[in-house]
């Protein structure tokens, strides 16, 4: 089965997280979880990271943005990525790792 454009973004982000040795999971909400939860949840050197994946000109919904802001307010990092800025994830992971190593 062909992957959707958003699915390809998720696959690429997961590949980055794997290559960087980051703990992550893709939460399945399906009526049992919390609405608006990011597509990918990760922990980088003790820092909580929520990643919302979009394709093309897709934008995060108000509910998704609320969750990303809640993550940031709690001391984590919440970001939205698409196929044009996926490498932002690698840069962010490396920045967090280097910041924690220096601390």
C-alpha atoms as a PDB file:
ATOM      1  CA  UNK A   1       0.000   0.000   0.000  1.00  0.00           C
ATOM      2  CA  UNK A   2       1.328   3.432  -0.927  1.00  0.00           C
ATOM      3  CA  UNK A   3       2.152   5.796   1.909  1.00  0.00           C
ATOM      4  CA  UNK A   4       0.418   9.135   2.148  1.00  0.00           C
ATOM      5  CA  UNK A   5       2.562  12.272   1.937  1.00  0.00           C
ATOM      6  CA  UNK A   6       2.122  12.736   5.696  1.00  0.00           C
ATOM      7  CA  UNK A   7       3.049   9.093   6.228  1.00  0.00           C
ATOM      8  CA  UNK A   8       6.293   9.666   4.357  1.00  0.00           C
ATOM      9  CA  UNK A   9       7.064  12.641   6.619  1.00  0.00           C
ATOM     10  CA  UNK A  10       6.461  10.436   9.674  1.00  0.00           C
ATOM     11  CA  UNK A  11       8.687   7.696   8.230  1.00  0.00           C
ATOM     12  CA  UNK A  12      11.509  10.168   7.618  1.00  0.00           C
ATOM     13  CA  UNK A  13      11.226  11.649  11.113  1.00  0.00           C
ATOM     14  CA  UNK A  14      11.227   8.154  12.641  1.00  0.00           C
ATOM     15  CA  UNK A  15      14.373   7.323  10.630  1.00  0.00           C
ATOM     16  CA  UNK A  16      16.048  10.449  12.050  1.00  0.00           C
ATOM     17  CA  UNK A  17      15.047   9.543  15.605  1.00  0.00           C
ATOM     18  CA  UNK A  18      16.296   5.965  15.174  1.00  0.00           C
ATOM     19  CA  UNK A  19      19.612   7.103  13.727  1.00  0.00           C
ATOM     20  CA  UNK A  20      20.072   9.503  16.646  1.00  0.00           C
ATOM     21  CA  UNK A  21      19.233   6.819  19.246  1.00  0.00           C
ATOM     22  CA  UNK A  22      16.148   8.648  20.510  1.00  0.00           C
ATOM     23  CA  UNK A  23      13.337   6.939  22.411  1.00  0.00           C
ATOM     24  CA  UNK A  24      10.043   7.569  20.591  1.00  0.00           C
ATOM     25  CA  UNK A  25       6.612   6.180  19.881  1.00  0.00           C
ATOM     26  CA  UNK A  26       3.624   6.966  17.687  1.00  0.00           C
ATOM     27  CA  UNK A  27       0.577   7.198  19.950  1.00  0.00           C
ATOM     28  CA  UNK A  28      -2.627   5.622  18.707  1.00  0.00           C
ATOM     29  CA  UNK A  29      -5.552   7.699  19.916  1.00  0.00           C
ATOM     30  CA  UNK A  30      -8.440   6.014  18.058  1.00  0.00           C
ATOM     31  CA  UNK A  31     -11.134   7.119  20.490  1.00  0.00           C
ATOM     32  CA  UNK A  32      -9.284   5.853  23.553  1.00  0.00           C
ATOM     33  CA  UNK A  33      -6.568   8.470  23.829  1.00  0.00           C
ATOM     34  CA  UNK A  34      -6.413  12.205  24.071  1.00  0.00           C
ATOM     35  CA  UNK A  35      -7.328  14.260  21.010  1.00  0.00           C
ATOM     36  CA  UNK A  36      -4.653  16.545  19.562  1.00  0.00           C
ATOM     37  CA  UNK A  37      -1.712  14.476  20.804  1.00  0.00           C
ATOM     38  CA  UNK A  38       1.302  14.892  18.477  1.00  0.00           C
ATOM     39  CA  UNK A  39       1.951  12.236  15.834  1.00  0.00           C
ATOM     40  CA  UNK A  40       5.293  11.314  17.391  1.00  0.00           C
ATOM     41  CA  UNK A  41       6.248  11.513  21.051  1.00  0.00           C
ATOM     42  CA  UNK A  42       9.938  11.292  21.930  1.00  0.00           C
ATOM     43  CA  UNK A  43      12.397  11.784  24.755  1.00  0.00           C
ATOM     44  CA  UNK A  44      15.773  13.299  23.913  1.00  0.00           C
ATOM     45  CA  UNK A  45      18.303  13.337  26.759  1.00  0.00           C
ATOM     46  CA  UNK A  46      15.461  13.702  29.254  1.00  0.00           C
ATOM     47  CA  UNK A  47      13.621  16.383  27.276  1.00  0.00           C
ATOM     48  CA  UNK A  48      10.056  15.595  26.151  1.00  0.00           C
ATOM     49  CA  UNK A  49       9.541  16.200  22.440  1.00  0.00           C
ATOM     50  CA  UNK A  50       6.178  16.237  20.633  1.00  0.00           C
ATOM     51  CA  UNK A  51       6.301  16.219  16.830  1.00  0.00           C
ATOM     52  CA  UNK A  52       3.255  16.975  14.690  1.00  0.00           C
ATOM     53  CA  UNK A  53       3.800  15.854  11.078  1.00  0.00           C
ATOM     54  CA  UNK A  54       2.067  17.534   8.159  1.00  0.00           C
ATOM     55  CA  UNK A  55       2.349  17.308   4.402  1.00  0.00           C
ATOM     56  CA  UNK A  56       2.367  20.076   1.832  1.00  0.00           C
ATOM     57  CA  UNK A  57       0.678  23.182   3.120  1.00  0.00           C
ATOM     58  CA  UNK A  58      -1.083  21.266   5.875  1.00  0.00           C
ATOM     59  CA  UNK A  59      -1.244  23.138   9.143  1.00  0.00           C
ATOM     60  CA  UNK A  60      -1.716  21.897  12.661  1.00  0.00           C
ATOM     61  CA  UNK A  61      -5.257  22.271  13.947  1.00  0.00           C
ATOM     62  CA  UNK A  62      -6.063  24.548  16.858  1.00  0.00           C
ATOM     63  CA  UNK A  63      -6.351  21.468  19.084  1.00  0.00           C
ATOM     64  CA  UNK A  64      -2.942  20.173  17.955  1.00  0.00           C
ATOM     65  CA  UNK A  65      -1.361  23.580  18.532  1.00  0.00           C
ATOM     66  CA  UNK A  66      -2.903  23.726  21.992  1.00  0.00           C
ATOM     67  CA  UNK A  67      -1.250  20.403  22.837  1.00  0.00           C
ATOM     68  CA  UNK A  68       2.128  21.563  21.485  1.00  0.00           C
ATOM     69  CA  UNK A  69       1.852  24.722  23.603  1.00  0.00           C
ATOM     70  CA  UNK A  70       0.961  22.635  26.666  1.00  0.00           C
ATOM     71  CA  UNK A  71       4.068  20.529  26.070  1.00  0.00           C
ATOM     72  CA  UNK A  72       6.205  23.679  25.879  1.00  0.00           C
ATOM     73  CA  UNK A  73       4.585  25.117  29.025  1.00  0.00           C
ATOM     74  CA  UNK A  74       5.526  21.921  30.855  1.00  0.00           C
ATOM     75  CA  UNK A  75       9.196  22.288  29.859  1.00  0.00           C
ATOM     76  CA  UNK A  76       9.195  20.106  26.738  1.00  0.00           C
ATOM     77  CA  UNK A  77       9.475  20.970  23.071  1.00  0.00           C
ATOM     78  CA  UNK A  78       6.621  20.812  20.578  1.00  0.00           C
ATOM     79  CA  UNK A  79       7.198  21.279  16.851  1.00  0.00           C
ATOM     80  CA  UNK A  80       5.367  20.963  13.542  1.00  0.00           C
ATOM     81  CA  UNK A  81       7.318  19.526  10.607  1.00  0.00           C
ATOM     82  CA  UNK A  82       6.576  18.882   6.956  1.00  0.00           C
ATOM     83  CA  UNK A  83       8.573  17.627   3.996  1.00  0.00           C
ATOM     84  CA  UNK A  84      10.258  21.035   3.672  1.00  0.00           C
ATOM     85  CA  UNK A  85      11.681  21.233   7.203  1.00  0.00           C
ATOM     86  CA  UNK A  86      12.087  17.605   8.370  1.00  0.00           C
ATOM     87  CA  UNK A  87      15.816  18.087   8.948  1.00  0.00           C
ATOM     88  CA  UNK A  88      14.812  20.504  11.699  1.00  0.00           C
ATOM     89  CA  UNK A  89      14.214  17.393  13.808  1.00  0.00           C
ATOM     90  CA  UNK A  90      17.834  16.227  13.447  1.00  0.00           C
ATOM     91  CA  UNK A  91      19.178  19.696  14.266  1.00  0.00           C
ATOM     92  CA  UNK A  92      16.898  19.954  17.303  1.00  0.00           C
ATOM     93  CA  UNK A  93      17.846  16.495  18.596  1.00  0.00           C
ATOM     94  CA  UNK A  94      21.537  17.249  18.258  1.00  0.00           C
ATOM     95  CA  UNK A  95      21.122  20.650  19.896  1.00  0.00           C
ATOM     96  CA  UNK A  96      19.310  19.120  22.877  1.00  0.00           C
ATOM     97  CA  UNK A  97      21.972  16.399  23.209  1.00  0.00           C
ATOM     98  CA  UNK A  98      24.834  18.867  23.086  1.00  0.00           C
ATOM     99  CA  UNK A  99      23.110  21.191  25.546  1.00  0.00           C
ATOM    100  CA  UNK A 100      22.582  18.312  27.999  1.00  0.00           C
ATOM    101  CA  UNK A 101      26.184  17.102  27.594  1.00  0.00           C
ATOM    102  CA  UNK A 102      27.474  20.594  28.355  1.00  0.00           C
ATOM    103  CA  UNK A 103      25.320  20.927  31.473  1.00  0.00           C
END
